[in-house]
Protein backbone atom coordinates (compact mmCIF):
# COMPACT_ATOMS: atom_id res chain seq x y z
CA MET A 1 -32.98 42.49 -3.57
CA GLU A 2 -29.52 41.64 -3.77
CA HIS A 3 -28.09 38.31 -1.44
CA ILE A 4 -25.12 38.99 0.28
CA ASP A 5 -23.56 35.91 1.61
CA GLY A 6 -26.90 34.22 1.56
CA GLU A 7 -28.16 37.00 3.25
CA ILE A 8 -31.11 39.27 2.10
CA ALA A 9 -29.67 42.55 2.08
CA ALA A 10 -31.99 45.75 3.45
CA PRO A 11 -34.14 47.90 0.74
CA ALA A 12 -32.15 51.37 0.03
CA PRO A 13 -33.99 54.36 1.21
CA PRO A 14 -35.66 56.30 -0.86
CA ARG A 15 -33.89 58.97 -2.82
CA LEU A 16 -35.59 62.70 -2.35
CA PRO A 17 -36.36 64.62 -5.25
CA PRO A 18 -33.96 67.21 -5.91
CA GLY A 19 -34.60 69.94 -4.01
CA GLU A 20 -36.76 68.63 -1.11
CA ASP A 21 -36.14 69.47 2.76
CA ARG A 22 -37.10 66.68 4.66
CA LEU A 23 -36.21 68.95 7.66
CA SER A 24 -38.46 71.79 6.82
CA ALA A 25 -41.14 69.42 6.71
CA LEU A 26 -41.18 68.46 10.57
CA PRO A 27 -43.91 69.76 12.44
CA ASP A 28 -43.14 73.59 13.66
CA ASP A 29 -42.86 72.47 17.19
CA ILE A 30 -40.16 70.27 16.46
CA LEU A 31 -38.41 72.96 14.46
CA ILE A 32 -38.92 75.20 17.28
CA GLN A 33 -37.10 72.33 20.10
CA ILE A 34 -34.59 72.17 17.38
CA LEU A 35 -33.68 76.08 17.71
CA MET A 36 -33.92 76.33 21.34
CA LYS A 37 -31.39 73.80 21.47
CA LEU A 38 -29.09 76.50 20.20
CA ARG A 39 -29.29 78.18 23.32
CA ASP A 40 -28.45 81.32 21.09
CA ALA A 41 -31.12 83.62 19.51
CA ALA A 42 -28.59 85.56 17.14
CA ALA A 43 -27.67 81.96 15.70
CA ALA A 44 -31.17 80.56 15.03
CA ALA A 45 -32.60 84.04 13.61
CA LYS A 46 -29.70 83.24 11.24
CA THR A 47 -31.57 80.16 10.15
CA SER A 48 -34.53 82.48 8.41
CA VAL A 49 -31.77 82.45 5.61
CA LEU A 50 -32.49 79.04 4.78
CA SER A 51 -35.72 79.05 3.38
CA ARG A 52 -39.07 81.43 3.45
CA HIS A 53 -40.37 78.61 5.37
CA TRP A 54 -37.90 79.30 8.48
CA ARG A 55 -38.02 82.76 8.34
CA ARG A 56 -41.11 82.78 10.95
CA HIS A 57 -39.96 80.27 13.06
CA TRP A 58 -37.13 81.69 15.40
CA ALA A 59 -39.64 84.26 16.00
CA LEU A 60 -41.55 82.10 17.62
CA LEU A 61 -39.35 81.27 19.81
CA PRO A 62 -40.49 81.59 23.82
CA GLU A 63 -36.97 81.92 25.25
CA LEU A 64 -34.41 84.05 23.83
CA CYS A 65 -30.73 84.09 24.75
CA PHE A 66 -28.19 86.58 23.73
CA HIS A 67 -24.62 86.44 24.14
CA PRO A 68 -22.07 89.43 24.09
CA ALA A 69 -20.93 88.80 20.94
CA THR A 70 -24.40 90.04 19.42
CA GLY A 71 -24.20 93.60 21.50
CA PRO A 72 -26.90 95.90 22.51
CA GLN A 73 -28.24 97.18 19.12
CA GLY A 74 -27.78 93.72 17.41
CA ILE A 75 -30.02 92.33 20.37
CA ARG A 76 -32.68 95.39 20.00
CA ALA A 77 -32.66 94.50 16.43
CA ALA A 78 -33.28 91.24 16.75
CA LEU A 79 -36.04 91.87 19.16
CA GLU A 80 -37.90 94.39 17.17
CA SER A 81 -38.34 91.63 14.44
CA HIS A 82 -39.66 88.76 17.22
CA GLU A 83 -43.37 88.25 16.13
CA GLY A 84 -44.45 86.53 19.56
CA LEU A 85 -44.37 86.84 22.76
CA ILE A 86 -41.49 85.66 25.04
CA THR A 87 -43.52 83.32 27.41
CA ARG A 88 -40.22 81.84 29.07
CA ARG A 89 -37.03 83.68 29.31
CA LEU A 90 -35.08 86.34 27.81
CA ALA A 91 -31.45 86.13 29.01
CA VAL A 92 -29.34 88.94 27.83
CA GLU A 93 -25.48 89.17 28.42
CA VAL A 94 -23.27 92.28 26.86
CA ILE A 95 -19.94 93.83 28.12
CA ASP A 96 -19.31 97.15 29.01
CA ALA A 97 -22.58 98.34 27.42
CA THR A 98 -23.93 101.85 28.10
CA PRO A 99 -27.09 102.57 30.07
CA GLU A 100 -28.55 104.57 26.93
CA SER A 101 -28.20 101.38 24.82
CA LEU A 102 -29.67 99.22 27.59
CA THR A 103 -32.69 101.28 28.12
CA ALA A 104 -33.67 101.52 24.28
CA LEU A 105 -33.14 97.16 24.34
CA LEU A 106 -35.60 96.88 27.09
CA LEU A 107 -38.18 99.34 26.27
CA VAL A 108 -38.48 96.75 22.94
CA ALA A 109 -38.36 93.94 25.36
CA ALA A 110 -40.64 94.99 27.90
CA PRO A 111 -43.73 94.65 26.13
CA ARG A 112 -42.75 91.34 24.55
CA LEU A 113 -41.96 89.67 28.03
CA SER A 114 -44.35 87.65 30.04
CA GLY A 115 -41.66 85.13 31.53
CA ASP A 116 -38.43 85.85 33.00
CA LEU A 117 -35.78 88.81 32.20
CA GLN A 118 -32.35 88.22 32.82
CA LEU A 119 -29.72 91.14 31.89
CA ILE A 120 -25.83 90.74 32.96
CA ASN A 121 -23.51 93.50 32.07
CA GLU A 122 -19.85 92.36 32.41
CA VAL A 123 -17.47 94.99 33.30
CA GLY A 124 -14.53 94.19 30.85
CA GLN A 125 -12.06 96.89 32.31
CA LYS A 126 -11.46 97.98 35.82
CA GLN A 127 -12.37 101.59 36.51
CA THR A 128 -11.54 103.70 39.83
CA GLU A 129 -14.37 105.26 41.37
CA ASP A 130 -13.31 108.61 39.86
CA GLU A 131 -13.53 107.12 36.71
CA ALA A 132 -16.96 105.18 37.08
CA ALA A 133 -18.40 108.49 38.71
CA GLU A 134 -17.23 110.42 35.64
CA ALA A 135 -18.59 107.80 33.38
CA GLU A 136 -21.81 107.90 34.93
CA ALA A 137 -22.01 111.56 34.60
CA GLU A 138 -21.47 111.30 30.82
CA ASN A 139 -23.67 108.22 30.24
CA GLY A 140 -26.81 108.85 32.74
CA ALA A 141 -28.73 105.82 34.09
CA LEU A 142 -30.24 103.17 32.72
CA GLU A 143 -34.19 103.68 32.71
CA LEU A 144 -35.89 100.53 33.62
CA PRO A 145 -39.41 100.50 31.90
CA CYS A 146 -42.11 98.84 33.66
CA PHE A 147 -42.46 95.28 32.77
CA GLU A 148 -46.32 94.81 33.45
CA ASN A 149 -46.30 91.00 32.80
CA ALA A 150 -42.77 89.54 33.76
CA THR A 151 -42.40 87.30 36.22
CA THR A 152 -39.04 87.31 37.30
CA ILE A 153 -36.16 90.11 36.99
CA ARG A 154 -32.78 89.62 37.35
CA LEU A 155 -30.16 92.46 36.70
CA ASP A 156 -26.41 92.32 37.49
CA LEU A 157 -25.23 95.42 35.53
CA GLY A 158 -21.49 96.02 36.85
CA TYR A 159 -22.55 99.20 38.84
CA LEU A 160 -23.96 100.87 36.45
CA ALA A 161 -26.51 103.53 37.10
CA LEU A 162 -30.31 102.15 37.39
CA ALA A 163 -33.17 104.10 37.86
CA MET A 164 -36.33 102.65 39.04
CA PRO A 165 -39.62 103.35 36.95
CA PRO A 166 -41.62 106.60 38.46
CA LEU A 167 -44.66 104.75 37.00
CA GLY A 168 -46.42 101.62 36.14
CA VAL A 169 -47.48 98.38 37.67
CA PHE A 170 -45.48 95.14 37.35
CA ALA A 171 -48.47 93.08 38.02
CA GLY A 172 -46.86 89.52 37.66
CA LEU A 173 -43.42 90.26 39.08
CA THR A 174 -42.70 87.81 41.88
CA ASP A 175 -38.98 87.83 42.11
CA LEU A 176 -36.80 90.81 41.76
CA PHE A 177 -32.72 90.40 42.00
CA LEU A 178 -30.66 93.47 41.69
CA ALA A 179 -26.89 92.88 42.13
CA GLY A 180 -23.78 95.50 41.06
CA VAL A 181 -26.51 98.39 40.81
CA ASP A 182 -25.95 102.38 41.36
CA LEU A 183 -29.36 103.45 41.92
CA ARG A 184 -30.44 106.95 40.79
CA GLY A 185 -33.50 108.82 39.87
CA PRO A 186 -36.52 110.33 41.57
CA CYS A 187 -37.86 106.79 42.43
CA MET A 188 -37.26 104.95 45.49
CA LEU A 189 -36.24 101.35 45.88
CA GLY A 190 -38.77 100.73 48.27
CA ASP A 191 -41.30 102.38 46.61
CA ALA A 192 -41.03 100.74 43.63
CA ALA A 193 -41.16 97.19 45.26
CA SER A 194 -44.19 97.88 47.11
CA SER A 195 -47.53 96.33 47.09
CA LEU A 196 -48.92 99.38 45.01
CA ARG A 197 -46.15 98.71 42.29
CA CYS A 198 -45.74 94.92 42.63
CA PRO A 199 -48.64 93.35 44.12
CA ALA A 200 -47.26 89.90 43.68
CA LEU A 201 -43.95 90.18 44.67
CA ARG A 202 -42.63 87.14 46.85
CA LYS A 203 -38.80 87.72 46.91
CA LEU A 204 -36.75 90.68 46.90
CA THR A 205 -33.19 90.48 46.68
CA VAL A 206 -30.54 93.59 46.47
CA HIS A 207 -26.63 92.78 46.79
CA HIS A 208 -23.58 95.00 46.47
CA ALA A 209 -25.70 98.19 45.82
CA ARG A 210 -25.14 101.95 46.11
CA GLY A 211 -26.45 105.03 45.41
CA ARG A 212 -29.74 106.03 46.43
CA LEU A 213 -30.66 103.80 49.40
CA ALA A 214 -30.85 106.01 52.30
CA ASN A 215 -33.72 105.86 54.78
CA PHE A 216 -35.15 102.47 52.90
CA ALA A 217 -38.79 101.56 53.21
CA ILE A 218 -40.76 99.20 51.69
CA HIS A 219 -44.51 97.92 52.58
CA SER A 220 -45.59 94.74 50.97
CA ASP A 221 -48.45 92.58 51.74
CA SER A 222 -47.11 89.62 49.06
CA LEU A 223 -43.63 89.58 50.07
CA LEU A 224 -42.04 86.10 51.51
CA GLU A 225 -38.31 86.84 51.64
CA ILE A 226 -36.06 90.21 51.49
CA ASP A 227 -32.70 89.42 51.00
CA LEU A 228 -30.39 92.83 51.37
CA LYS A 229 -26.48 92.38 51.25
CA HIS A 230 -23.32 94.90 50.71
CA LEU A 231 -25.35 98.20 50.57
CA GLN A 232 -23.84 101.45 50.73
CA ALA A 233 -25.79 104.92 50.27
CA ASP A 234 -24.73 108.03 49.09
CA GLY A 235 -23.46 111.04 51.61
CA ALA A 236 -21.82 110.56 54.90
CA LEU A 237 -24.80 109.83 57.04
CA GLY A 238 -25.41 106.21 55.28
CA LEU A 239 -28.22 104.26 55.02
CA GLY A 240 -30.04 105.80 57.75
CA LYS A 241 -33.20 104.38 58.64
CA PHE A 242 -34.49 101.18 57.33
CA THR A 243 -38.23 100.33 57.61
CA ILE A 244 -39.76 97.14 56.62
CA HIS A 245 -43.72 96.55 57.05
CA SER A 246 -45.16 93.20 55.95
CA ALA A 247 -47.89 90.96 57.11
CA SER A 248 -46.90 88.42 54.77
CA LEU A 249 -42.88 88.20 55.73
CA LEU A 250 -41.52 84.93 56.35
CA GLN A 251 -37.76 85.65 56.04
CA ILE A 252 -35.36 88.71 56.40
CA GLU A 253 -31.51 88.58 55.79
CA LEU A 254 -29.52 91.75 56.41
CA ARG A 255 -25.51 91.51 55.64
CA ASN A 256 -23.07 94.66 55.74
CA LEU A 257 -25.91 97.39 55.54
CA GLN A 258 -23.08 100.48 55.81
CA GLY A 259 -24.58 102.94 57.93
CA ILE A 260 -27.58 101.98 58.93
CA GLN A 261 -28.80 104.17 61.79
CA ALA A 262 -32.15 102.60 62.85
CA LEU A 263 -33.93 99.29 61.61
CA THR A 264 -37.94 98.74 62.25
CA VAL A 265 -39.43 95.54 61.44
CA PHE A 266 -43.31 95.03 61.44
CA ALA A 267 -43.66 91.69 60.05
CA PRO A 268 -46.35 89.16 62.39
CA ALA A 269 -45.59 86.48 59.95
CA LEU A 270 -41.70 86.55 60.23
CA GLN A 271 -40.42 83.27 61.21
CA MET A 272 -36.45 84.08 60.50
CA LEU A 273 -34.34 87.08 60.74
CA SER A 274 -30.80 87.38 60.30
CA VAL A 275 -28.94 90.60 60.97
CA ILE A 276 -25.10 90.54 60.20
CA ARG A 277 -22.48 93.25 60.46
CA SER A 278 -24.75 96.16 59.79
CA PHE A 279 -24.48 98.28 63.21
CA ALA A 280 -21.23 96.50 64.47
CA ASN A 281 -19.28 98.81 61.90
CA GLY A 282 -20.58 101.88 62.94
CA VAL A 283 -19.98 104.17 65.69
CA THR A 284 -23.58 105.07 67.13
CA GLN A 285 -25.69 102.75 69.52
CA PRO A 286 -27.95 100.28 67.72
CA VAL A 287 -31.11 101.08 67.64
CA ALA A 288 -34.10 98.40 66.47
CA ASN A 289 -37.60 97.89 66.75
CA ILE A 290 -38.75 94.45 66.02
CA TYR A 291 -42.41 93.15 65.82
CA ALA A 292 -42.35 89.45 65.01
CA PRO A 293 -44.17 87.51 67.28
CA GLN A 294 -43.72 84.39 65.37
CA LEU A 295 -40.34 84.44 64.67
CA LYS A 296 -38.31 81.29 65.29
CA PHE A 297 -34.83 81.84 63.99
CA LEU A 298 -33.10 84.51 65.13
CA THR A 299 -29.39 85.24 63.98
CA TRP A 300 -28.17 88.85 65.49
CA ASN A 301 -24.23 88.89 64.38
CA ASP A 302 -24.20 92.39 64.82
CA ALA A 303 -24.01 94.95 68.17
CA TYR A 304 -26.38 94.91 70.59
CA ASP A 305 -27.83 96.76 73.21
CA ALA A 306 -30.88 95.71 75.46
CA SER A 307 -31.98 98.85 75.68
CA SER A 308 -31.82 100.43 72.13
CA THR A 309 -32.84 97.27 70.52
CA GLN A 310 -36.57 95.89 71.26
CA PHE A 311 -38.16 92.50 70.30
CA CYS A 312 -41.68 91.88 70.92
CA ASN A 313 -42.26 88.49 72.94
CA MET A 314 -40.02 85.89 71.13
CA LYS A 315 -42.19 83.05 72.90
CA ASN A 316 -41.94 80.83 69.39
CA ILE A 317 -38.08 81.56 69.43
CA LYS A 318 -36.22 78.07 69.04
CA CYS A 319 -32.65 78.76 67.64
CA VAL A 320 -30.60 81.78 68.24
CA ALA A 321 -27.01 82.62 66.62
CA THR A 322 -25.21 85.34 68.17
CA TYR A 323 -21.85 87.46 67.42
CA PRO A 324 -18.38 85.88 67.70
CA PHE A 325 -16.89 85.60 71.28
CA SER A 326 -13.02 86.66 71.13
CA VAL A 327 -11.58 84.05 73.78
CA TYR A 328 -8.72 86.06 74.22
CA GLY A 329 -8.08 89.88 73.37
CA LYS A 330 -8.00 93.30 74.91
CA ASP A 331 -10.60 95.59 76.11
CA ALA A 332 -11.83 96.59 72.83
CA CYS A 333 -12.55 92.61 72.18
CA ARG A 334 -14.31 92.23 76.07
CA SER A 335 -16.61 95.21 74.47
CA ARG A 336 -17.80 93.35 71.39
CA ASN A 337 -18.12 89.85 73.06
CA SER A 338 -20.51 92.19 75.13
CA PHE A 339 -22.46 92.02 72.36
CA CYS A 340 -23.09 88.22 72.32
CA LEU A 341 -23.64 88.27 76.32
CA ARG A 342 -26.40 91.02 76.19
CA LEU A 343 -28.35 89.06 73.65
CA ILE A 344 -27.95 85.43 75.23
CA ARG A 345 -28.87 87.23 78.64
CA ARG A 346 -32.75 88.09 77.56
CA PHE A 347 -33.29 84.11 76.89
CA GLU A 348 -33.75 81.79 79.67
CA LEU A 349 -34.71 78.57 77.53
CA ILE A 350 -34.05 78.39 73.70
CA ARG A 351 -33.82 74.98 72.14
CA CYS A 352 -30.93 75.54 69.79
CA LEU A 353 -27.71 77.95 70.19
CA ARG A 354 -25.11 78.92 67.76
CA PHE A 355 -22.32 80.11 69.37
CA MET A 356 -18.99 81.18 67.62
CA LEU A 357 -15.65 80.93 69.52
CA PHE A 358 -12.57 82.94 67.69
CA TYR A 359 -8.70 82.83 68.31
CA VAL A 360 -6.38 85.29 67.29
CA PRO A 361 -3.19 84.39 65.75
CA ASP A 362 -1.14 85.57 68.88
CA ILE A 363 -2.50 85.61 72.18
CA THR A 364 0.82 86.59 73.88
CA ASN A 365 -0.24 89.36 76.25
CA GLU A 366 -4.03 88.89 75.53
CA GLN A 367 -6.48 88.68 78.26
CA TYR A 368 -8.23 85.33 78.32
CA LEU A 369 -12.18 86.21 78.29
CA MET A 370 -13.95 83.19 78.36
CA GLU A 371 -14.82 84.03 82.38
CA ASP A 372 -17.05 86.41 81.31
CA ILE A 373 -19.43 83.96 80.35
CA THR A 374 -21.20 83.37 83.52
CA ARG A 375 -24.45 81.61 82.10
CA LEU A 376 -26.04 80.45 79.30
CA PRO A 377 -29.83 79.64 78.59
CA ASP A 378 -31.40 76.22 79.10
CA ILE A 379 -30.76 74.48 75.48
CA THR A 380 -31.08 71.04 74.06
CA HIS A 381 -28.78 71.65 70.82
CA LEU A 382 -25.66 73.38 70.71
CA ALA A 383 -23.81 74.55 67.57
CA LEU A 384 -20.25 75.72 68.02
CA ASP A 385 -18.40 77.40 65.29
CA ILE A 386 -14.71 77.54 66.48
CA TYR A 387 -11.70 79.62 64.57
CA PRO A 388 -8.72 78.05 66.50
CA ASN A 389 -6.07 80.03 64.18
CA GLY A 390 -3.77 76.57 65.19
CA HIS A 391 -4.24 77.12 69.26
CA SER A 392 -5.71 74.60 71.88
CA PHE A 393 -9.73 75.13 72.17
CA GLY A 394 -10.33 72.41 74.70
CA ALA A 395 -10.24 74.84 77.83
CA SER A 396 -12.70 77.40 76.06
CA VAL A 397 -15.13 74.44 74.73
CA PHE A 398 -14.88 73.19 78.62
CA HIS A 399 -15.99 76.10 79.60
CA VAL A 400 -18.99 76.55 77.29
CA LEU A 401 -20.16 72.76 77.70
CA GLY A 402 -19.99 73.35 81.65
CA MET A 403 -22.56 75.73 81.20
CA CYS A 404 -24.97 73.63 79.23
CA THR A 405 -24.98 70.27 80.49
CA GLY A 406 -28.31 69.21 79.48
CA VAL A 407 -27.32 69.62 75.85
CA LYS A 408 -28.67 66.43 73.81
CA MET A 409 -26.95 67.05 70.28
CA LEU A 410 -23.87 69.13 69.80
CA LEU A 411 -22.41 70.17 66.39
CA PHE A 412 -18.60 71.38 66.13
CA THR A 413 -17.57 73.32 63.12
CA LEU A 414 -13.67 73.97 62.74
CA ARG A 415 -13.30 77.01 60.53
CA ASN A 416 -10.70 78.88 58.85
CA THR A 417 -10.32 82.60 59.79
CA PRO A 418 -12.21 84.65 56.86
CA GLY A 419 -9.66 85.40 54.29
CA GLN A 420 -7.12 83.05 55.57
CA THR A 421 -5.32 81.16 52.72
CA LYS A 422 -2.68 79.55 54.47
CA ALA A 423 -2.82 76.45 56.37
CA GLN A 424 -3.20 77.26 60.02
CA THR A 425 0.03 76.28 62.20
CA ALA A 426 0.12 75.01 65.42
CA CYS A 427 0.90 77.48 68.05
CA PRO A 428 4.26 77.38 69.82
CA SER A 429 5.34 75.19 72.66
CA GLY A 430 4.27 76.99 76.02
CA CYS A 431 1.40 78.87 74.35
CA ALA A 432 -1.44 80.32 77.02
CA CYS A 433 -4.06 78.89 75.00
CA ASP A 434 -3.85 75.28 76.89
CA GLN A 435 -4.72 77.49 80.18
CA PRO A 436 -6.54 77.06 82.45
CA PRO A 437 -5.41 73.17 82.21
CA ASN A 438 -8.05 71.70 84.51
CA TRP A 439 -10.25 70.94 81.61
CA LYS A 440 -7.80 67.79 80.76
CA ASN A 441 -8.51 66.56 84.09
CA GLN A 442 -11.75 67.65 85.63
CA LYS A 443 -14.90 65.63 85.22
CA LEU A 444 -17.56 67.13 83.38
CA ALA A 445 -21.30 65.32 83.52
CA LEU A 446 -23.12 65.71 79.79
CA ASN A 447 -25.47 62.88 81.01
CA CYS A 448 -27.82 64.21 78.34
CA LEU A 449 -25.55 64.25 75.08
CA GLN A 450 -26.16 61.39 72.53
CA LYS A 451 -25.42 62.73 69.33
CA VAL A 452 -21.73 64.50 68.43
CA GLN A 453 -21.26 66.23 64.64
CA ILE A 454 -17.56 67.38 64.01
CA TRP A 455 -16.84 68.74 60.62
CA GLU A 456 -13.58 70.10 58.80
CA LEU A 457 -11.31 67.87 61.20
CA ARG A 458 -7.68 68.67 60.63
CA GLY A 459 -6.36 65.54 62.54
CA THR A 460 -4.41 68.02 65.05
CA GLU A 461 -3.19 66.91 68.65
CA HIS A 462 -5.76 69.77 69.94
CA GLU A 463 -8.42 68.18 68.41
CA ALA A 464 -7.69 64.54 69.78
CA ALA A 465 -7.40 65.77 73.13
CA LEU A 466 -10.68 67.28 73.26
CA MET A 467 -12.24 64.48 71.83
CA LYS A 468 -10.77 62.01 74.33
CA ARG A 469 -12.44 63.68 77.03
CA LEU A 470 -15.49 64.44 75.18
CA PHE A 471 -16.13 60.56 75.47
CA ASP A 472 -15.22 60.17 78.82
CA TRP A 473 -17.71 63.50 79.91
CA ALA A 474 -20.44 62.15 77.89
CA THR A 475 -21.74 59.11 79.62
CA VAL A 476 -24.69 58.35 77.23
CA LEU A 477 -23.18 59.29 73.81
CA GLU A 478 -24.82 56.83 71.05
CA LYS A 479 -23.44 58.65 67.96
CA VAL A 480 -20.14 60.44 66.85
CA THR A 481 -20.55 61.78 63.10
CA ILE A 482 -17.04 63.25 61.88
CA ALA A 483 -15.98 64.75 58.35
CA PHE A 484 -12.03 66.07 57.70
CA HIS A 485 -11.06 68.86 55.93
CA GLY A 486 -10.19 68.68 51.84
CA SER A 487 -6.82 69.33 52.87
CA VAL A 488 -6.24 66.28 55.12
CA PRO A 489 -4.39 63.05 52.94
CA GLU A 490 -6.58 60.03 53.19
CA SER A 491 -3.65 57.91 55.38
CA LYS A 492 -4.04 61.02 58.29
CA ALA A 493 -7.61 60.95 58.19
CA LYS A 494 -7.50 57.06 58.30
CA GLU A 495 -5.07 57.10 61.27
CA PHE A 496 -7.00 59.85 63.29
CA PHE A 497 -10.19 57.95 62.74
CA GLN A 498 -8.55 54.92 64.32
CA MET A 499 -7.52 56.62 67.08
CA LEU A 500 -11.16 58.24 67.59
CA GLN A 501 -12.39 54.46 67.55
CA SER A 502 -9.72 53.62 70.31
CA PHE A 503 -11.35 56.33 72.88
CA SER A 504 -14.80 55.07 71.80
CA ARG A 505 -16.76 52.57 73.85
CA LEU A 506 -18.82 49.66 72.30
CA GLU A 507 -22.31 51.27 72.60
CA ILE A 508 -20.82 54.19 70.61
CA ARG A 509 -21.32 54.19 66.74
CA VAL A 510 -18.27 56.17 65.50
CA LYS A 511 -18.90 57.36 61.66
CA GLN A 512 -17.05 58.97 59.06
CA VAL A 513 -18.66 61.03 55.81
CA MET A 514 -17.16 62.29 53.03
CA ALA A 515 -19.88 65.31 52.31
CA PRO A 516 -20.35 66.76 55.80
CA LEU A 517 -23.26 68.92 54.31
CA ALA A 518 -25.55 66.76 53.65
CA GLU A 519 -25.11 65.17 57.06
CA ASN A 520 -25.31 68.50 58.73
CA GLN A 521 -28.62 69.43 56.81
CA ALA A 522 -29.96 66.28 58.24
CA PHE A 523 -28.87 67.63 61.37
CA LEU A 524 -30.55 71.17 61.32
CA LYS A 525 -33.70 69.95 59.75
CA GLY A 526 -34.43 67.66 62.13
CA ASN A 527 -33.19 69.62 65.36
CA THR A 528 -35.10 73.13 64.19
CA TYR A 529 -31.61 74.32 63.24
CA GLN A 530 -33.00 74.90 60.03
CA GLY A 531 -32.56 78.04 58.83
CA PHE A 532 -29.46 79.50 59.64
CA SER A 533 -27.30 81.03 57.04
CA LYS A 534 -24.40 78.70 56.66
CA ASN A 535 -21.85 81.86 56.75
CA THR A 536 -23.10 83.48 59.71
């Protein structure tokens, strides 16, 4: 050993004999972990050229991820050389793939997969509907083989035609997700997802689908959740009749089902039902028959008529969310408002009500419609979603609160109108939105209100006016929690918060939070409001 400045130098590492590969000497499980870190099965396969010892390692990977550069033919070839079962996940991304190439790929993958399948086909070039139809006629449909051992299947196909397999049992499948699909072939989706074909299925999700969807019917003894959004069937009659029959089902969300004519649900264990903008877009009377005696959370943001929309005795209902109520409008708005009013009339007592107040940007020559609300159920928790469009909303809130003076907890959310990108501007001086003006000086006894939460404040005069009155009305108020919209400057938020504190009493705790969602979820979870969709 050499001495350097009085210290003993560390011994030099032994030199490897020429040609010795220390990396290859590592245990097989370590080498497989190294290859998995690449997150690219094609790159992992290239390690086969290093030595004969490396040739078999990539073929033992339990998880394979293929990126678009590999292409369907390359992926198929790689899968054919893969020796073991894919026990975790097969993830494939392609661009503008043909149905034929993907069918061939999946036929190779099906017997090799015992884990999750994820297939994403990105559309590189946008097509018109005519071009898409022409391409479909030329290319046919992706024929999905039966994956007997797959646990999850997620297909996002960019509206490629998809044919469900007419035969076979998906024995291990628990989660089926389809998006951007054009359903074709003789086998209906409901038949393929029912208990005979998918005996272990727990969750069915179909988003942005079209094609052969009319008269959807599913019978399942295993499903826990159904999520169907933005569906459009072939033909002028639309989706027609929808039937869901399941003794196990706990949650259903239906959104934008175009042309649905009748909905039948038999789900004795169902706890949450959400129906959003499916009947309201049509011209026919909404027809629904819902048997769900254990239902706790109901969102019916849709057309409603008590004579044709039948619910069984909902004695366990805790929370109801309704169709938006237009504060100002003409007769057409009054007609749509009736959807909301008819629904809440069927309840005498519910724990939580979610109510939406909507203002059109220009209310000149519009009728004030709040007087149509003559009664609300007895409630203890009220969530008000307000779309003010720059208007004063104090009068409408005063009207609502005057009909539920026993409320204990109040949640305000100030929202932008859907599709609105510009900041809301204040309404012009003398605007009718401040009428009737009695809310500014009339007394209101909210003698049970203990907690208030307000989200997405903009720091406007309209908001300040309402908050000042709210502190006066709520005589036993204990806590107020607020959060500002992200566009509000920090200095303005601080000034507005200090103003609220000046309105408050000593016994009231006023708190500002930066992340309203977490506080909101705590409010909902603790007060049986849990389960409503954030976007209803």
